[in-house]
Amino acid sequence: MLNTTTLGAAEARLGAAYTVERHLRHHGASLCDLLDALDDPSGFAALCDLHGAFGQPIPDADAVEAALRDIRRILADQAPTSLDRIGHERGLPASDMTRWHGARVSELLGRFRHAD
C-alpha cells in the first residue's frame, strides 16, 4: 500500500528543490561572486555541491538542503570587518549582499522544514 504521507513529503521536498533551482537561475551569479570574494573555499565548494545536486533529471533534495545549510553557515560566520574589507578592496557591497543572500537562503531552507 502506498504511504501518501511519505509521498506528499517527498513531493514537497522536491518542490522546495525546484524553487532553489529557480532562485539560482536568477541570483546564482551574485551568490557566486559573493562566495568567491569571502576567501573561504568551503563556500564556493558548497555552491558547487548545490549545482551538482541538480545534475540529475530529478534533483537530490537532501543534497540541496545540505548545501544550503553550508552556505547559510558560511554567510552567517562572516565578520563585519571582513565584509567591510572585501567591500573596500573589491568594490563589492559585501555586507548588503551577505545579508540579502543569507535571508534568501534561510527562506529557501524554510521550505524544506515545512515539507517534512
N, C-alpha and C. Protein backbone atom coordinates (compact mmCIF):
# COMPACT_ATOMS: atom_id res chain seq x y z
N MET A 1 0.84 -1.18 0.00
CA MET A 1 0.00 0.00 0.00
C MET A 1 0.89 1.25 0.00
N LEU A 2 0.51 2.23 -0.73
CA LEU A 2 1.27 3.46 -0.88
C LEU A 2 1.04 4.37 0.32
N ASN A 3 2.12 4.84 0.89
CA ASN A 3 2.04 5.76 2.03
C ASN A 3 1.95 7.18 1.48
N THR A 4 0.77 7.77 1.51
CA THR A 4 0.58 9.10 0.91
C THR A 4 1.26 10.20 1.72
N THR A 5 1.46 9.99 3.01
CA THR A 5 2.16 10.99 3.82
C THR A 5 3.61 11.10 3.38
N THR A 6 4.26 9.96 3.18
CA THR A 6 5.65 9.95 2.73
C THR A 6 5.74 10.53 1.32
N LEU A 7 4.81 10.14 0.46
CA LEU A 7 4.80 10.66 -0.90
C LEU A 7 4.60 12.17 -0.91
N GLY A 8 3.69 12.66 -0.08
CA GLY A 8 3.44 14.10 -0.01
C GLY A 8 4.66 14.86 0.47
N ALA A 9 5.36 14.32 1.47
CA ALA A 9 6.58 14.97 1.97
C ALA A 9 7.66 14.96 0.90
N ALA A 10 7.80 13.85 0.19
CA ALA A 10 8.81 13.77 -0.88
C ALA A 10 8.51 14.76 -1.99
N GLU A 11 7.24 14.89 -2.35
CA GLU A 11 6.86 15.86 -3.39
C GLU A 11 7.12 17.29 -2.91
N ALA A 12 6.83 17.56 -1.65
CA ALA A 12 7.06 18.90 -1.11
C ALA A 12 8.55 19.22 -1.09
N ARG A 13 9.39 18.24 -0.72
CA ARG A 13 10.84 18.47 -0.72
C ARG A 13 11.34 18.68 -2.14
N LEU A 14 10.80 17.94 -3.09
CA LEU A 14 11.19 18.11 -4.48
C LEU A 14 10.76 19.49 -4.98
N GLY A 15 9.58 19.92 -4.58
CA GLY A 15 9.13 21.27 -4.93
C GLY A 15 10.05 22.33 -4.34
N ALA A 16 10.51 22.12 -3.11
CA ALA A 16 11.45 23.06 -2.49
C ALA A 16 12.76 23.09 -3.28
N ALA A 17 13.20 21.92 -3.72
CA ALA A 17 14.45 21.85 -4.51
C ALA A 17 14.29 22.61 -5.83
N TYR A 18 13.15 22.46 -6.48
CA TYR A 18 12.93 23.18 -7.74
C TYR A 18 12.85 24.69 -7.51
N THR A 19 12.34 25.11 -6.37
CA THR A 19 12.32 26.53 -6.02
C THR A 19 13.75 27.05 -5.89
N VAL A 20 14.61 26.26 -5.28
CA VAL A 20 16.04 26.63 -5.15
C VAL A 20 16.65 26.75 -6.54
N GLU A 21 16.34 25.81 -7.41
CA GLU A 21 16.90 25.85 -8.76
C GLU A 21 16.49 27.13 -9.49
N ARG A 22 15.22 27.51 -9.38
CA ARG A 22 14.75 28.76 -9.99
C ARG A 22 15.48 29.97 -9.40
N HIS A 23 15.65 29.94 -8.08
CA HIS A 23 16.36 31.03 -7.41
C HIS A 23 17.79 31.14 -7.93
N LEU A 24 18.45 30.02 -8.10
CA LEU A 24 19.83 30.04 -8.60
C LEU A 24 19.91 30.59 -10.02
N ARG A 25 18.92 30.30 -10.83
CA ARG A 25 18.94 30.84 -12.19
C ARG A 25 18.92 32.36 -12.18
N HIS A 26 18.21 32.93 -11.22
CA HIS A 26 18.09 34.39 -11.17
C HIS A 26 19.19 35.07 -10.35
N HIS A 27 19.65 34.41 -9.31
CA HIS A 27 20.56 35.07 -8.36
C HIS A 27 21.86 34.31 -8.12
N GLY A 28 22.07 33.23 -8.84
CA GLY A 28 23.25 32.40 -8.63
C GLY A 28 24.56 33.13 -8.93
N ALA A 29 24.57 33.97 -9.95
CA ALA A 29 25.81 34.68 -10.29
C ALA A 29 26.24 35.61 -9.17
N SER A 30 25.28 36.30 -8.58
CA SER A 30 25.59 37.20 -7.47
C SER A 30 26.09 36.41 -6.25
N LEU A 31 25.44 35.30 -5.96
CA LEU A 31 25.88 34.45 -4.85
C LEU A 31 27.27 33.90 -5.12
N CYS A 32 27.53 33.52 -6.35
CA CYS A 32 28.85 33.03 -6.73
C CYS A 32 29.91 34.10 -6.52
N ASP A 33 29.62 35.33 -6.95
CA ASP A 33 30.57 36.44 -6.76
C ASP A 33 30.85 36.65 -5.28
N LEU A 34 29.81 36.61 -4.47
CA LEU A 34 29.98 36.83 -3.04
C LEU A 34 30.81 35.72 -2.41
N LEU A 35 30.45 34.47 -2.67
CA LEU A 35 31.18 33.36 -2.07
C LEU A 35 32.63 33.33 -2.52
N ASP A 36 32.88 33.72 -3.75
CA ASP A 36 34.25 33.80 -4.25
C ASP A 36 35.04 34.87 -3.50
N ALA A 37 34.39 35.96 -3.17
CA ALA A 37 35.07 37.08 -2.50
C ALA A 37 35.33 36.82 -1.02
N LEU A 38 34.66 35.85 -0.43
CA LEU A 38 34.75 35.66 1.02
C LEU A 38 36.02 34.98 1.49
N ASP A 39 36.86 34.56 0.61
CA ASP A 39 38.13 33.92 0.99
C ASP A 39 37.91 32.66 1.83
N ASP A 40 36.82 31.96 1.58
CA ASP A 40 36.51 30.71 2.27
C ASP A 40 36.18 29.69 1.19
N PRO A 41 37.14 28.82 0.86
CA PRO A 41 36.91 27.87 -0.23
C PRO A 41 35.72 26.95 0.01
N SER A 42 35.33 26.76 1.26
CA SER A 42 34.20 25.87 1.52
C SER A 42 32.89 26.48 1.03
N GLY A 43 32.82 27.80 0.96
CA GLY A 43 31.61 28.45 0.45
C GLY A 43 31.42 28.18 -1.02
N PHE A 44 32.49 28.32 -1.77
CA PHE A 44 32.40 28.06 -3.21
C PHE A 44 32.16 26.58 -3.44
N ALA A 45 32.76 25.72 -2.62
CA ALA A 45 32.54 24.27 -2.73
C ALA A 45 31.08 23.93 -2.46
N ALA A 46 30.47 24.59 -1.48
CA ALA A 46 29.05 24.34 -1.18
C ALA A 46 28.17 24.76 -2.35
N LEU A 47 28.52 25.86 -3.02
CA LEU A 47 27.76 26.29 -4.18
C LEU A 47 27.91 25.26 -5.31
N CYS A 48 29.11 24.74 -5.48
CA CYS A 48 29.33 23.69 -6.48
C CYS A 48 28.52 22.44 -6.14
N ASP A 49 28.47 22.08 -4.85
CA ASP A 49 27.65 20.94 -4.41
C ASP A 49 26.17 21.20 -4.72
N LEU A 50 25.75 22.43 -4.52
CA LEU A 50 24.37 22.80 -4.79
C LEU A 50 24.06 22.62 -6.28
N HIS A 51 24.92 23.11 -7.11
CA HIS A 51 24.73 22.94 -8.56
C HIS A 51 24.76 21.47 -8.94
N GLY A 52 25.65 20.71 -8.32
CA GLY A 52 25.76 19.29 -8.60
C GLY A 52 24.50 18.52 -8.25
N ALA A 53 23.78 18.97 -7.24
CA ALA A 53 22.54 18.30 -6.84
C ALA A 53 21.48 18.39 -7.93
N PHE A 54 21.64 19.33 -8.85
CA PHE A 54 20.70 19.48 -9.95
C PHE A 54 21.19 18.81 -11.22
N GLY A 55 22.25 18.03 -11.12
CA GLY A 55 22.83 17.36 -12.28
C GLY A 55 22.09 16.12 -12.73
N GLN A 56 21.08 15.73 -12.00
CA GLN A 56 20.28 14.55 -12.33
C GLN A 56 18.92 15.02 -12.85
N PRO A 57 18.20 14.13 -13.56
CA PRO A 57 16.85 14.53 -14.01
C PRO A 57 15.93 14.93 -12.85
N ILE A 58 16.10 14.28 -11.71
CA ILE A 58 15.35 14.65 -10.51
C ILE A 58 16.39 15.08 -9.47
N PRO A 59 16.31 16.32 -9.01
CA PRO A 59 17.33 16.81 -8.08
C PRO A 59 17.31 16.04 -6.75
N ASP A 60 18.48 15.96 -6.15
CA ASP A 60 18.63 15.32 -4.84
C ASP A 60 18.29 16.35 -3.77
N ALA A 61 17.07 16.28 -3.25
CA ALA A 61 16.59 17.27 -2.29
C ALA A 61 17.45 17.30 -1.02
N ASP A 62 17.93 16.14 -0.58
CA ASP A 62 18.78 16.11 0.61
C ASP A 62 20.09 16.86 0.37
N ALA A 63 20.67 16.67 -0.81
CA ALA A 63 21.92 17.35 -1.15
C ALA A 63 21.69 18.86 -1.29
N VAL A 64 20.57 19.24 -1.85
CA VAL A 64 20.22 20.67 -1.98
C VAL A 64 20.12 21.29 -0.60
N GLU A 65 19.40 20.63 0.29
CA GLU A 65 19.22 21.16 1.64
C GLU A 65 20.56 21.25 2.37
N ALA A 66 21.39 20.23 2.25
CA ALA A 66 22.70 20.24 2.93
C ALA A 66 23.58 21.37 2.41
N ALA A 67 23.59 21.57 1.10
CA ALA A 67 24.41 22.64 0.52
C ALA A 67 23.90 24.01 0.98
N LEU A 68 22.59 24.17 1.03
CA LEU A 68 22.03 25.44 1.51
C LEU A 68 22.42 25.70 2.96
N ARG A 69 22.40 24.65 3.78
CA ARG A 69 22.79 24.81 5.18
C ARG A 69 24.25 25.26 5.29
N ASP A 70 25.11 24.67 4.46
CA ASP A 70 26.52 25.07 4.46
C ASP A 70 26.67 26.52 4.04
N ILE A 71 25.97 26.91 2.99
CA ILE A 71 26.06 28.29 2.51
C ILE A 71 25.55 29.26 3.58
N ARG A 72 24.43 28.91 4.21
CA ARG A 72 23.90 29.78 5.27
C ARG A 72 24.91 29.93 6.40
N ARG A 73 25.53 28.83 6.81
CA ARG A 73 26.52 28.87 7.89
C ARG A 73 27.70 29.75 7.50
N ILE A 74 28.18 29.60 6.29
CA ILE A 74 29.33 30.38 5.83
C ILE A 74 28.99 31.87 5.80
N LEU A 75 27.81 32.21 5.31
CA LEU A 75 27.40 33.61 5.29
C LEU A 75 27.25 34.17 6.70
N ALA A 76 26.69 33.37 7.60
CA ALA A 76 26.47 33.83 8.97
C ALA A 76 27.77 34.00 9.74
N ASP A 77 28.80 33.26 9.35
CA ASP A 77 30.08 33.31 10.06
C ASP A 77 30.97 34.49 9.67
N GLN A 78 30.53 35.30 8.73
CA GLN A 78 31.38 36.40 8.26
C GLN A 78 31.39 37.56 9.26
N ALA A 79 32.59 37.98 9.58
CA ALA A 79 32.74 39.12 10.48
C ALA A 79 32.48 40.42 9.71
N PRO A 80 31.81 41.37 10.34
CA PRO A 80 31.55 42.64 9.67
C PRO A 80 32.83 43.32 9.16
N THR A 81 33.93 43.20 9.90
CA THR A 81 35.18 43.83 9.46
C THR A 81 35.69 43.16 8.18
N SER A 82 35.51 41.86 8.08
CA SER A 82 35.92 41.15 6.88
C SER A 82 35.08 41.59 5.69
N LEU A 83 33.79 41.74 5.90
CA LEU A 83 32.91 42.18 4.82
C LEU A 83 33.22 43.61 4.40
N ASP A 84 33.56 44.47 5.36
CA ASP A 84 33.95 45.84 5.04
C ASP A 84 35.24 45.85 4.22
N ARG A 85 36.19 45.00 4.60
CA ARG A 85 37.45 44.91 3.86
C ARG A 85 37.20 44.46 2.42
N ILE A 86 36.38 43.43 2.26
CA ILE A 86 36.05 42.94 0.92
C ILE A 86 35.37 44.02 0.11
N GLY A 87 34.46 44.73 0.74
CA GLY A 87 33.77 45.81 0.05
C GLY A 87 34.73 46.88 -0.44
N HIS A 88 35.68 47.21 0.40
CA HIS A 88 36.66 48.24 0.04
C HIS A 88 37.61 47.73 -1.05
N GLU A 89 38.15 46.53 -0.88
CA GLU A 89 39.14 46.00 -1.82
C GLU A 89 38.55 45.66 -3.18
N ARG A 90 37.35 45.14 -3.19
CA ARG A 90 36.77 44.65 -4.44
C ARG A 90 35.67 45.53 -5.00
N GLY A 91 35.30 46.55 -4.27
CA GLY A 91 34.21 47.41 -4.73
C GLY A 91 32.88 46.66 -4.80
N LEU A 92 32.72 45.73 -3.89
CA LEU A 92 31.54 44.87 -3.85
C LEU A 92 30.77 45.18 -2.57
N PRO A 93 29.47 45.39 -2.65
CA PRO A 93 28.70 45.66 -1.42
C PRO A 93 28.52 44.37 -0.61
N ALA A 94 29.62 43.85 -0.09
CA ALA A 94 29.64 42.53 0.54
C ALA A 94 28.71 42.42 1.74
N SER A 95 28.62 43.45 2.56
CA SER A 95 27.73 43.39 3.73
C SER A 95 26.28 43.25 3.29
N ASP A 96 25.87 44.09 2.37
CA ASP A 96 24.49 44.04 1.88
C ASP A 96 24.21 42.72 1.18
N MET A 97 25.15 42.28 0.37
CA MET A 97 24.98 41.02 -0.35
C MET A 97 24.87 39.84 0.62
N THR A 98 25.68 39.87 1.66
CA THR A 98 25.65 38.78 2.64
C THR A 98 24.31 38.74 3.36
N ARG A 99 23.82 39.90 3.75
CA ARG A 99 22.51 39.95 4.41
C ARG A 99 21.40 39.47 3.47
N TRP A 100 21.42 39.95 2.23
CA TRP A 100 20.37 39.61 1.28
C TRP A 100 20.39 38.11 0.97
N HIS A 101 21.56 37.61 0.59
CA HIS A 101 21.65 36.18 0.25
C HIS A 101 21.39 35.31 1.48
N GLY A 102 21.84 35.73 2.63
CA GLY A 102 21.59 34.97 3.84
C GLY A 102 20.10 34.85 4.12
N ALA A 103 19.38 35.94 3.94
CA ALA A 103 17.92 35.92 4.15
C ALA A 103 17.24 35.03 3.13
N ARG A 104 17.65 35.10 1.89
CA ARG A 104 17.03 34.27 0.85
C ARG A 104 17.32 32.79 1.10
N VAL A 105 18.55 32.47 1.46
CA VAL A 105 18.91 31.06 1.74
C VAL A 105 18.10 30.56 2.93
N SER A 106 17.93 31.37 3.94
CA SER A 106 17.12 30.98 5.10
C SER A 106 15.67 30.71 4.69
N GLU A 107 15.13 31.57 3.83
CA GLU A 107 13.77 31.35 3.34
C GLU A 107 13.66 30.05 2.56
N LEU A 108 14.64 29.78 1.72
CA LEU A 108 14.64 28.54 0.95
C LEU A 108 14.74 27.33 1.85
N LEU A 109 15.57 27.41 2.88
CA LEU A 109 15.67 26.30 3.83
C LEU A 109 14.35 26.09 4.57
N GLY A 110 13.63 27.15 4.82
CA GLY A 110 12.33 27.03 5.48
C GLY A 110 11.36 26.19 4.69
N ARG A 111 11.47 26.21 3.38
CA ARG A 111 10.60 25.39 2.55
C ARG A 111 10.85 23.90 2.79
N PHE A 112 12.09 23.55 3.08
CA PHE A 112 12.42 22.15 3.37
C PHE A 112 11.87 21.74 4.74
N ARG A 113 11.95 22.63 5.71
CA ARG A 113 11.43 22.33 7.04
C ARG A 113 9.93 22.11 7.01
N HIS A 114 9.22 22.89 6.21
CA HIS A 114 7.77 22.78 6.12
C HIS A 114 7.35 21.55 5.32
N ALA A 115 8.28 21.00 4.56
CA ALA A 115 7.98 19.83 3.73
C ALA A 115 8.03 18.54 4.51
N ASP A 116 8.67 18.55 5.68
CA ASP A 116 8.81 17.31 6.47
C ASP A 116 7.58 16.98 7.25
